[in-house]
Amino acid sequence: GPDWVAAQGGNIRALGRLLFTRGLLP
């Protein structure tokens, strides 16, 4: 949720972290 996104440093950093860890193969 919004608290997790804020802890990650914002939308772009959270998206990058998810994309290049869990979503790298797809």
mmCIF file of all heavy atoms, coordinates in Angstrom:
data_MODEL
# 
_entry.id   MODEL 
# 
loop_
_atom_site.group_PDB 
_atom_site.id 
_atom_site.type_symbol 
_atom_site.label_atom_id 
_atom_site.label_alt_id 
_atom_site.label_comp_id 
_atom_site.label_asym_id 
_atom_site.label_entity_id 
_atom_site.label_seq_id 
_atom_site.pdbx_PDB_ins_code 
_atom_site.Cartn_x 
_atom_site.Cartn_y 
_atom_site.Cartn_z 
_atom_site.occupancy 
_atom_site.B_iso_or_equiv 
_atom_site.pdbx_formal_charge 
_atom_site.auth_seq_id 
_atom_site.auth_comp_id 
_atom_site.auth_asym_id 
_atom_site.auth_atom_id 
_atom_site.pdbx_PDB_model_num 
ATOM 1   N N   . GLY A 1 1  ? 0.820  -1.207  0.000   1.00 0.00 ? 1  GLY A N   1 
ATOM 2   C CA  . GLY A 1 1  ? 0.000  0.000   0.000   1.00 0.00 ? 1  GLY A CA  1 
ATOM 3   C C   . GLY A 1 1  ? 0.853  1.256   0.000   1.00 0.00 ? 1  GLY A C   1 
ATOM 4   O O   . GLY A 1 1  ? 2.078  1.225   -0.190  1.00 0.00 ? 1  GLY A O   1 
ATOM 5   N N   . PRO A 1 2  ? 0.228  2.393   0.259   1.00 0.00 ? 2  PRO A N   1 
ATOM 6   C CA  . PRO A 1 2  ? 0.945  3.674   0.248   1.00 0.00 ? 2  PRO A CA  1 
ATOM 7   C C   . PRO A 1 2  ? 2.088  3.744   1.257   1.00 0.00 ? 2  PRO A C   1 
ATOM 8   O O   . PRO A 1 2  ? 3.115  4.369   0.991   1.00 0.00 ? 2  PRO A O   1 
ATOM 9   C CB  . PRO A 1 2  ? -0.142 4.690   0.577   1.00 0.00 ? 2  PRO A CB  1 
ATOM 10  C CG  . PRO A 1 2  ? -1.424 4.025   0.239   1.00 0.00 ? 2  PRO A CG  1 
ATOM 11  C CD  . PRO A 1 2  ? -1.204 2.561   0.434   1.00 0.00 ? 2  PRO A CD  1 
ATOM 12  N N   . ASP A 1 3  ? 1.927  3.100   2.410   1.00 0.00 ? 3  ASP A N   1 
ATOM 13  C CA  . ASP A 1 3  ? 3.006  3.131   3.405   1.00 0.00 ? 3  ASP A CA  1 
ATOM 14  C C   . ASP A 1 3  ? 4.241  2.394   2.899   1.00 0.00 ? 3  ASP A C   1 
ATOM 15  O O   . ASP A 1 3  ? 5.370  2.850   3.089   1.00 0.00 ? 3  ASP A O   1 
ATOM 16  C CB  . ASP A 1 3  ? 2.525  2.511   4.723   1.00 0.00 ? 3  ASP A CB  1 
ATOM 17  C CG  . ASP A 1 3  ? 1.390  3.315   5.340   1.00 0.00 ? 3  ASP A CG  1 
ATOM 18  O OD1 . ASP A 1 3  ? 1.342  4.535   5.105   1.00 0.00 ? 3  ASP A OD1 1 
ATOM 19  O OD2 . ASP A 1 3  ? 0.555  2.707   6.042   1.00 0.00 ? 3  ASP A OD2 1 
ATOM 20  N N   . TRP A 1 4  ? 4.025  1.247   2.241   1.00 0.00 ? 4  TRP A N   1 
ATOM 21  C CA  . TRP A 1 4  ? 5.151  0.481   1.694   1.00 0.00 ? 4  TRP A CA  1 
ATOM 22  C C   . TRP A 1 4  ? 5.839  1.260   0.586   1.00 0.00 ? 4  TRP A C   1 
ATOM 23  O O   . TRP A 1 4  ? 7.070  1.281   0.513   1.00 0.00 ? 4  TRP A O   1 
ATOM 24  C CB  . TRP A 1 4  ? 4.652  -0.864  1.170   1.00 0.00 ? 4  TRP A CB  1 
ATOM 25  C CG  . TRP A 1 4  ? 5.743  -1.726  0.628   1.00 0.00 ? 4  TRP A CG  1 
ATOM 26  C CD1 . TRP A 1 4  ? 6.595  -2.514  1.333   1.00 0.00 ? 4  TRP A CD1 1 
ATOM 27  C CD2 . TRP A 1 4  ? 6.115  -1.868  -0.739  1.00 0.00 ? 4  TRP A CD2 1 
ATOM 28  N NE1 . TRP A 1 4  ? 7.469  -3.144  0.487   1.00 0.00 ? 4  TRP A NE1 1 
ATOM 29  C CE2 . TRP A 1 4  ? 7.201  -2.763  -0.798  1.00 0.00 ? 4  TRP A CE2 1 
ATOM 30  C CE3 . TRP A 1 4  ? 5.641  -1.325  -1.929  1.00 0.00 ? 4  TRP A CE3 1 
ATOM 31  C CZ2 . TRP A 1 4  ? 7.811  -3.125  -1.983  1.00 0.00 ? 4  TRP A CZ2 1 
ATOM 32  C CZ3 . TRP A 1 4  ? 6.248  -1.688  -3.111  1.00 0.00 ? 4  TRP A CZ3 1 
ATOM 33  C CH2 . TRP A 1 4  ? 7.320  -2.577  -3.131  1.00 0.00 ? 4  TRP A CH2 1 
ATOM 34  N N   . VAL A 1 5  ? 5.055  1.910   -0.274  1.00 0.00 ? 5  VAL A N   1 
ATOM 35  C CA  . VAL A 1 5  ? 5.633  2.696   -1.358  1.00 0.00 ? 5  VAL A CA  1 
ATOM 36  C C   . VAL A 1 5  ? 6.446  3.852   -0.799  1.00 0.00 ? 5  VAL A C   1 
ATOM 37  O O   . VAL A 1 5  ? 7.550  4.144   -1.271  1.00 0.00 ? 5  VAL A O   1 
ATOM 38  C CB  . VAL A 1 5  ? 4.525  3.206   -2.316  1.00 0.00 ? 5  VAL A CB  1 
ATOM 39  C CG1 . VAL A 1 5  ? 5.074  4.196   -3.322  1.00 0.00 ? 5  VAL A CG1 1 
ATOM 40  C CG2 . VAL A 1 5  ? 3.864  2.042   -3.033  1.00 0.00 ? 5  VAL A CG2 1 
ATOM 41  N N   . ALA A 1 6  ? 5.939  4.514   0.230   1.00 0.00 ? 6  ALA A N   1 
ATOM 42  C CA  . ALA A 1 6  ? 6.685  5.614   0.846   1.00 0.00 ? 6  ALA A CA  1 
ATOM 43  C C   . ALA A 1 6  ? 7.971  5.109   1.490   1.00 0.00 ? 6  ALA A C   1 
ATOM 44  O O   . ALA A 1 6  ? 9.014  5.773   1.421   1.00 0.00 ? 6  ALA A O   1 
ATOM 45  C CB  . ALA A 1 6  ? 5.813  6.313   1.881   1.00 0.00 ? 6  ALA A CB  1 
ATOM 46  N N   . ALA A 1 7  ? 7.935  3.922   2.095   1.00 0.00 ? 7  ALA A N   1 
ATOM 47  C CA  . ALA A 1 7  ? 9.140  3.356   2.709   1.00 0.00 ? 7  ALA A CA  1 
ATOM 48  C C   . ALA A 1 7  ? 10.185 2.998   1.665   1.00 0.00 ? 7  ALA A C   1 
ATOM 49  O O   . ALA A 1 7  ? 11.386 3.024   1.948   1.00 0.00 ? 7  ALA A O   1 
ATOM 50  C CB  . ALA A 1 7  ? 8.780  2.122   3.538   1.00 0.00 ? 7  ALA A CB  1 
ATOM 51  N N   . GLN A 1 8  ? 9.744  2.677   0.446   1.00 0.00 ? 8  GLN A N   1 
ATOM 52  C CA  . GLN A 1 8  ? 10.673 2.341   -0.632  1.00 0.00 ? 8  GLN A CA  1 
ATOM 53  C C   . GLN A 1 8  ? 11.311 3.581   -1.248  1.00 0.00 ? 8  GLN A C   1 
ATOM 54  O O   . GLN A 1 8  ? 12.279 3.471   -1.974  1.00 0.00 ? 8  GLN A O   1 
ATOM 55  C CB  . GLN A 1 8  ? 9.960  1.548   -1.722  1.00 0.00 ? 8  GLN A CB  1 
ATOM 56  C CG  . GLN A 1 8  ? 9.452  0.207   -1.279  1.00 0.00 ? 8  GLN A CG  1 
ATOM 57  C CD  . GLN A 1 8  ? 10.580 -0.723  -0.892  1.00 0.00 ? 8  GLN A CD  1 
ATOM 58  O OE1 . GLN A 1 8  ? 11.606 -0.791  -1.540  1.00 0.00 ? 8  GLN A OE1 1 
ATOM 59  N NE2 . GLN A 1 8  ? 10.411 -1.424  0.210   1.00 0.00 ? 8  GLN A NE2 1 
ATOM 60  N N   . GLY A 1 9  ? 10.738 4.745   -1.008  1.00 0.00 ? 9  GLY A N   1 
ATOM 61  C CA  . GLY A 1 9  ? 11.292 5.969   -1.575  1.00 0.00 ? 9  GLY A CA  1 
ATOM 62  C C   . GLY A 1 9  ? 10.479 6.521   -2.729  1.00 0.00 ? 9  GLY A C   1 
ATOM 63  O O   . GLY A 1 9  ? 10.973 7.366   -3.474  1.00 0.00 ? 9  GLY A O   1 
ATOM 64  N N   . GLY A 1 10 ? 9.268  6.053   -2.915  1.00 0.00 ? 10 GLY A N   1 
ATOM 65  C CA  . GLY A 1 10 ? 8.405  6.586   -3.965  1.00 0.00 ? 10 GLY A CA  1 
ATOM 66  C C   . GLY A 1 10 ? 7.998  5.531   -4.980  1.00 0.00 ? 10 GLY A C   1 
ATOM 67  O O   . GLY A 1 10 ? 8.476  4.389   -4.943  1.00 0.00 ? 10 GLY A O   1 
ATOM 68  N N   . ASN A 1 11 ? 7.125  5.945   -5.892  1.00 0.00 ? 11 ASN A N   1 
ATOM 69  C CA  . ASN A 1 11 ? 6.574  5.032   -6.896  1.00 0.00 ? 11 ASN A CA  1 
ATOM 70  C C   . ASN A 1 11 ? 7.649  4.446   -7.803  1.00 0.00 ? 11 ASN A C   1 
ATOM 71  O O   . ASN A 1 11 ? 7.664  3.250   -8.065  1.00 0.00 ? 11 ASN A O   1 
ATOM 72  C CB  . ASN A 1 11 ? 5.544  5.757   -7.768  1.00 0.00 ? 11 ASN A CB  1 
ATOM 73  C CG  . ASN A 1 11 ? 4.197  5.846   -7.114  1.00 0.00 ? 11 ASN A CG  1 
ATOM 74  O OD1 . ASN A 1 11 ? 3.911  5.115   -6.181  1.00 0.00 ? 11 ASN A OD1 1 
ATOM 75  N ND2 . ASN A 1 11 ? 3.373  6.740   -7.609  1.00 0.00 ? 11 ASN A ND2 1 
ATOM 76  N N   . ILE A 1 12 ? 8.538  5.287   -8.288  1.00 0.00 ? 12 ILE A N   1 
ATOM 77  C CA  . ILE A 1 12 ? 9.514  4.835   -9.290  1.00 0.00 ? 12 ILE A CA  1 
ATOM 78  C C   . ILE A 1 12 ? 10.508 3.860   -8.671  1.00 0.00 ? 12 ILE A C   1 
ATOM 79  O O   . ILE A 1 12 ? 10.815 2.818   -9.253  1.00 0.00 ? 12 ILE A O   1 
ATOM 80  C CB  . ILE A 1 12 ? 10.225 6.044   -9.925  1.00 0.00 ? 12 ILE A CB  1 
ATOM 81  C CG1 . ILE A 1 12 ? 9.198  6.894   -10.655 1.00 0.00 ? 12 ILE A CG1 1 
ATOM 82  C CG2 . ILE A 1 12 ? 11.324 5.589   -10.868 1.00 0.00 ? 12 ILE A CG2 1 
ATOM 83  C CD1 . ILE A 1 12 ? 9.725  8.191   -11.185 1.00 0.00 ? 12 ILE A CD1 1 
ATOM 84  N N   . ARG A 1 13 ? 10.983 4.153   -7.488  1.00 0.00 ? 13 ARG A N   1 
ATOM 85  C CA  . ARG A 1 13 ? 11.937 3.249   -6.836  1.00 0.00 ? 13 ARG A CA  1 
ATOM 86  C C   . ARG A 1 13 ? 11.274 1.912   -6.484  1.00 0.00 ? 13 ARG A C   1 
ATOM 87  O O   . ARG A 1 13 ? 11.866 0.848   -6.663  1.00 0.00 ? 13 ARG A O   1 
ATOM 88  C CB  . ARG A 1 13 ? 12.515 3.897   -5.589  1.00 0.00 ? 13 ARG A CB  1 
ATOM 89  C CG  . ARG A 1 13 ? 13.591 3.030   -4.966  1.00 0.00 ? 13 ARG A CG  1 
ATOM 90  C CD  . ARG A 1 13 ? 14.357 3.744   -3.926  1.00 0.00 ? 13 ARG A CD  1 
ATOM 91  N NE  . ARG A 1 13 ? 15.196 4.743   -4.596  1.00 0.00 ? 13 ARG A NE  1 
ATOM 92  C CZ  . ARG A 1 13 ? 15.802 5.736   -3.982  1.00 0.00 ? 13 ARG A CZ  1 
ATOM 93  N NH1 . ARG A 1 13 ? 15.677 5.873   -2.684  1.00 0.00 ? 13 ARG A NH1 1 
ATOM 94  N NH2 . ARG A 1 13 ? 16.541 6.585   -4.633  1.00 0.00 ? 13 ARG A NH2 1 
ATOM 95  N N   . ALA A 1 14 ? 10.025 1.961   -6.013  1.00 0.00 ? 14 ALA A N   1 
ATOM 96  C CA  . ALA A 1 14 ? 9.303  0.729   -5.683  1.00 0.00 ? 14 ALA A CA  1 
ATOM 97  C C   . ALA A 1 14 ? 9.050  -0.095  -6.937  1.00 0.00 ? 14 ALA A C   1 
ATOM 98  O O   . ALA A 1 14 ? 9.204  -1.317  -6.932  1.00 0.00 ? 14 ALA A O   1 
ATOM 99  C CB  . ALA A 1 14 ? 7.986  1.060   -4.979  1.00 0.00 ? 14 ALA A CB  1 
ATOM 100 N N   . LEU A 1 15 ? 8.668  0.571   -8.025  1.00 0.00 ? 15 LEU A N   1 
ATOM 101 C CA  . LEU A 1 15 ? 8.440  -0.135  -9.287  1.00 0.00 ? 15 LEU A CA  1 
ATOM 102 C C   . LEU A 1 15 ? 9.733  -0.764  -9.792  1.00 0.00 ? 15 LEU A C   1 
ATOM 103 O O   . LEU A 1 15 ? 9.747  -1.921  -10.219 1.00 0.00 ? 15 LEU A O   1 
ATOM 104 C CB  . LEU A 1 15 ? 7.876  0.822   -10.342 1.00 0.00 ? 15 LEU A CB  1 
ATOM 105 C CG  . LEU A 1 15 ? 7.723  0.237   -11.728 1.00 0.00 ? 15 LEU A CG  1 
ATOM 106 C CD1 . LEU A 1 15 ? 6.618  -0.803  -11.729 1.00 0.00 ? 15 LEU A CD1 1 
ATOM 107 C CD2 . LEU A 1 15 ? 7.424  1.325   -12.726 1.00 0.00 ? 15 LEU A CD2 1 
ATOM 108 N N   . GLY A 1 16 ? 10.821 -0.020  -9.746  1.00 0.00 ? 16 GLY A N   1 
ATOM 109 C CA  . GLY A 1 16 ? 12.105 -0.558  -10.191 1.00 0.00 ? 16 GLY A CA  1 
ATOM 110 C C   . GLY A 1 16 ? 12.546 -1.752  -9.368  1.00 0.00 ? 16 GLY A C   1 
ATOM 111 O O   . GLY A 1 16 ? 13.032 -2.752  -9.899  1.00 0.00 ? 16 GLY A O   1 
ATOM 112 N N   . ARG A 1 17 ? 12.341 -1.669  -8.056  1.00 0.00 ? 17 ARG A N   1 
ATOM 113 C CA  . ARG A 1 17 ? 12.731 -2.772  -7.185  1.00 0.00 ? 17 ARG A CA  1 
ATOM 114 C C   . ARG A 1 17 ? 11.911 -4.030  -7.500  1.00 0.00 ? 17 ARG A C   1 
ATOM 115 O O   . ARG A 1 17 ? 12.452 -5.128  -7.596  1.00 0.00 ? 17 ARG A O   1 
ATOM 116 C CB  . ARG A 1 17 ? 12.555 -2.364  -5.730  1.00 0.00 ? 17 ARG A CB  1 
ATOM 117 C CG  . ARG A 1 17 ? 13.194 -3.288  -4.752  1.00 0.00 ? 17 ARG A CG  1 
ATOM 118 C CD  . ARG A 1 17 ? 13.081 -2.741  -3.341  1.00 0.00 ? 17 ARG A CD  1 
ATOM 119 N NE  . ARG A 1 17 ? 13.507 -1.351  -3.239  1.00 0.00 ? 17 ARG A NE  1 
ATOM 120 C CZ  . ARG A 1 17 ? 14.701 -0.956  -2.807  1.00 0.00 ? 17 ARG A CZ  1 
ATOM 121 N NH1 . ARG A 1 17 ? 15.570 -1.848  -2.439  1.00 0.00 ? 17 ARG A NH1 1 
ATOM 122 N NH2 . ARG A 1 17 ? 15.012 0.312   -2.737  1.00 0.00 ? 17 ARG A NH2 1 
ATOM 123 N N   . LEU A 1 18 ? 10.602 -3.870  -7.684  1.00 0.00 ? 18 LEU A N   1 
ATOM 124 C CA  . LEU A 1 18 ? 9.765  -5.025  -8.011  1.00 0.00 ? 18 LEU A CA  1 
ATOM 125 C C   . LEU A 1 18 ? 10.052 -5.556  -9.417  1.00 0.00 ? 18 LEU A C   1 
ATOM 126 O O   . LEU A 1 18 ? 10.082 -6.763  -9.646  1.00 0.00 ? 18 LEU A O   1 
ATOM 127 C CB  . LEU A 1 18 ? 8.280  -4.658  -7.889  1.00 0.00 ? 18 LEU A CB  1 
ATOM 128 C CG  . LEU A 1 18 ? 7.734  -4.552  -6.475  1.00 0.00 ? 18 LEU A CG  1 
ATOM 129 C CD1 . LEU A 1 18 ? 6.296  -4.049  -6.510  1.00 0.00 ? 18 LEU A CD1 1 
ATOM 130 C CD2 . LEU A 1 18 ? 7.819  -5.874  -5.766  1.00 0.00 ? 18 LEU A CD2 1 
ATOM 131 N N   . LEU A 1 19 ? 10.246 -4.636  -10.367 1.00 0.00 ? 19 LEU A N   1 
ATOM 132 C CA  . LEU A 1 19 ? 10.459 -5.040  -11.754 1.00 0.00 ? 19 LEU A CA  1 
ATOM 133 C C   . LEU A 1 19 ? 11.752 -5.822  -11.920 1.00 0.00 ? 19 LEU A C   1 
ATOM 134 O O   . LEU A 1 19 ? 11.785 -6.837  -12.612 1.00 0.00 ? 19 LEU A O   1 
ATOM 135 C CB  . LEU A 1 19 ? 10.455 -3.818  -12.672 1.00 0.00 ? 19 LEU A CB  1 
ATOM 136 C CG  . LEU A 1 19 ? 10.657 -4.080  -14.153 1.00 0.00 ? 19 LEU A CG  1 
ATOM 137 C CD1 . LEU A 1 19 ? 9.493  -4.887  -14.700 1.00 0.00 ? 19 LEU A CD1 1 
ATOM 138 C CD2 . LEU A 1 19 ? 10.778 -2.772  -14.900 1.00 0.00 ? 19 LEU A CD2 1 
ATOM 139 N N   . PHE A 1 20 ? 12.815 -5.367  -11.281 1.00 0.00 ? 20 PHE A N   1 
ATOM 140 C CA  . PHE A 1 20 ? 14.103 -6.002  -11.494 1.00 0.00 ? 20 PHE A CA  1 
ATOM 141 C C   . PHE A 1 20 ? 14.434 -7.080  -10.470 1.00 0.00 ? 20 PHE A C   1 
ATOM 142 O O   . PHE A 1 20 ? 15.546 -7.610  -10.468 1.00 0.00 ? 20 PHE A O   1 
ATOM 143 C CB  . PHE A 1 20 ? 15.202 -4.954  -11.560 1.00 0.00 ? 20 PHE A CB  1 
ATOM 144 C CG  . PHE A 1 20 ? 15.102 -4.112  -12.794 1.00 0.00 ? 20 PHE A CG  1 
ATOM 145 C CD1 . PHE A 1 20 ? 14.818 -2.761  -12.711 1.00 0.00 ? 20 PHE A CD1 1 
ATOM 146 C CD2 . PHE A 1 20 ? 15.248 -4.678  -14.043 1.00 0.00 ? 20 PHE A CD2 1 
ATOM 147 C CE1 . PHE A 1 20 ? 14.698 -2.001  -13.848 1.00 0.00 ? 20 PHE A CE1 1 
ATOM 148 C CE2 . PHE A 1 20 ? 15.129 -3.924  -15.188 1.00 0.00 ? 20 PHE A CE2 1 
ATOM 149 C CZ  . PHE A 1 20 ? 14.855 -2.577  -15.090 1.00 0.00 ? 20 PHE A CZ  1 
ATOM 150 N N   . THR A 1 21 ? 13.491 -7.417  -9.588  1.00 0.00 ? 21 THR A N   1 
ATOM 151 C CA  . THR A 1 21 ? 13.679 -8.577  -8.717  1.00 0.00 ? 21 THR A CA  1 
ATOM 152 C C   . THR A 1 21 ? 12.687 -9.662  -9.100  1.00 0.00 ? 21 THR A C   1 
ATOM 153 O O   . THR A 1 21 ? 13.060 -10.681 -9.641  1.00 0.00 ? 21 THR A O   1 
ATOM 154 C CB  . THR A 1 21 ? 13.521 -8.197  -7.230  1.00 0.00 ? 21 THR A CB  1 
ATOM 155 O OG1 . THR A 1 21 ? 12.262 -7.568  -7.032  1.00 0.00 ? 21 THR A OG1 1 
ATOM 156 C CG2 . THR A 1 21 ? 14.641 -7.279  -6.778  1.00 0.00 ? 21 THR A CG2 1 
ATOM 157 N N   . ARG A 1 22 ? 11.402 -9.418  -8.881  1.00 0.00 ? 22 ARG A N   1 
ATOM 158 C CA  . ARG A 1 22 ? 10.385 -10.428 -9.178  1.00 0.00 ? 22 ARG A CA  1 
ATOM 159 C C   . ARG A 1 22 ? 10.029 -10.502 -10.656 1.00 0.00 ? 22 ARG A C   1 
ATOM 160 O O   . ARG A 1 22 ? 9.673  -11.570 -11.147 1.00 0.00 ? 22 ARG A O   1 
ATOM 161 C CB  . ARG A 1 22 ? 9.106  -10.128 -8.417  1.00 0.00 ? 22 ARG A CB  1 
ATOM 162 C CG  . ARG A 1 22 ? 9.224  -10.266 -6.947  1.00 0.00 ? 22 ARG A CG  1 
ATOM 163 C CD  . ARG A 1 22 ? 7.879  -10.040 -6.316  1.00 0.00 ? 22 ARG A CD  1 
ATOM 164 N NE  . ARG A 1 22 ? 7.996  -9.955  -4.870  1.00 0.00 ? 22 ARG A NE  1 
ATOM 165 C CZ  . ARG A 1 22 ? 7.017  -9.598  -4.093  1.00 0.00 ? 22 ARG A CZ  1 
ATOM 166 N NH1 . ARG A 1 22 ? 5.845  -9.279  -4.612  1.00 0.00 ? 22 ARG A NH1 1 
ATOM 167 N NH2 . ARG A 1 22 ? 7.188  -9.544  -2.803  1.00 0.00 ? 22 ARG A NH2 1 
ATOM 168 N N   . GLY A 1 23 ? 10.090 -9.390  -11.365 1.00 0.00 ? 23 GLY A N   1 
ATOM 169 C CA  . GLY A 1 23 ? 9.589  -9.370  -12.730 1.00 0.00 ? 23 GLY A CA  1 
ATOM 170 C C   . GLY A 1 23 ? 10.659 -9.348  -13.801 1.00 0.00 ? 23 GLY A C   1 
ATOM 171 O O   . GLY A 1 23 ? 10.373 -9.025  -14.958 1.00 0.00 ? 23 GLY A O   1 
ATOM 172 N N   . LEU A 1 24 ? 11.894 -9.686  -13.481 1.00 0.00 ? 24 LEU A N   1 
ATOM 173 C CA  . LEU A 1 24 ? 12.966 -9.602  -14.461 1.00 0.00 ? 24 LEU A CA  1 
ATOM 174 C C   . LEU A 1 24 ? 12.789 -10.602 -15.603 1.00 0.00 ? 24 LEU A C   1 
ATOM 175 O O   . LEU A 1 24 ? 12.915 -10.233 -16.776 1.00 0.00 ? 24 LEU A O   1 
ATOM 176 C CB  . LEU A 1 24 ? 14.325 -9.813  -13.791 1.00 0.00 ? 24 LEU A CB  1 
ATOM 177 C CG  . LEU A 1 24 ? 15.535 -9.639  -14.712 1.00 0.00 ? 24 LEU A CG  1 
ATOM 178 C CD1 . LEU A 1 24 ? 15.571 -8.209  -15.235 1.00 0.00 ? 24 LEU A CD1 1 
ATOM 179 C CD2 . LEU A 1 24 ? 16.813 -9.959  -13.992 1.00 0.00 ? 24 LEU A CD2 1 
ATOM 180 N N   . LEU A 1 25 ? 12.476 -11.833 -15.296 1.00 0.00 ? 25 LEU A N   1 
ATOM 181 C CA  . LEU A 1 25 ? 12.319 -12.839 -16.349 1.00 0.00 ? 25 LEU A CA  1 
ATOM 182 C C   . LEU A 1 25 ? 11.156 -12.515 -17.293 1.00 0.00 ? 25 LEU A C   1 
ATOM 183 O O   . LEU A 1 25 ? 11.349 -12.513 -18.514 1.00 0.00 ? 25 LEU A O   1 
ATOM 184 C CB  . LEU A 1 25 ? 12.166 -14.230 -15.737 1.00 0.00 ? 25 LEU A CB  1 
ATOM 185 C CG  . LEU A 1 25 ? 12.021 -15.358 -16.759 1.00 0.00 ? 25 LEU A CG  1 
ATOM 186 C CD1 . LEU A 1 25 ? 13.293 -15.485 -17.583 1.00 0.00 ? 25 LEU A CD1 1 
ATOM 187 C CD2 . LEU A 1 25 ? 11.705 -16.656 -16.063 1.00 0.00 ? 25 LEU A CD2 1 
ATOM 188 N N   . PRO A 1 26 ? 9.959  -12.206 -16.783 1.00 0.00 ? 26 PRO A N   1 
ATOM 189 C CA  . PRO A 1 26 ? 8.879  -11.837 -17.722 1.00 0.00 ? 26 PRO A CA  1 
ATOM 190 C C   . PRO A 1 26 ? 9.204  -10.589 -18.538 1.00 0.00 ? 26 PRO A C   1 
ATOM 191 O O   . PRO A 1 26 ? 8.848  -10.494 -19.715 1.00 0.00 ? 26 PRO A O   1 
ATOM 192 C CB  . PRO A 1 26 ? 7.670  -11.585 -16.816 1.00 0.00 ? 26 PRO A CB  1 
ATOM 193 C CG  . PRO A 1 26 ? 7.963  -12.304 -15.565 1.00 0.00 ? 26 PRO A CG  1 
ATOM 194 C CD  . PRO A 1 26 ? 9.448  -12.316 -15.423 1.00 0.00 ? 26 PRO A CD  1 
# 
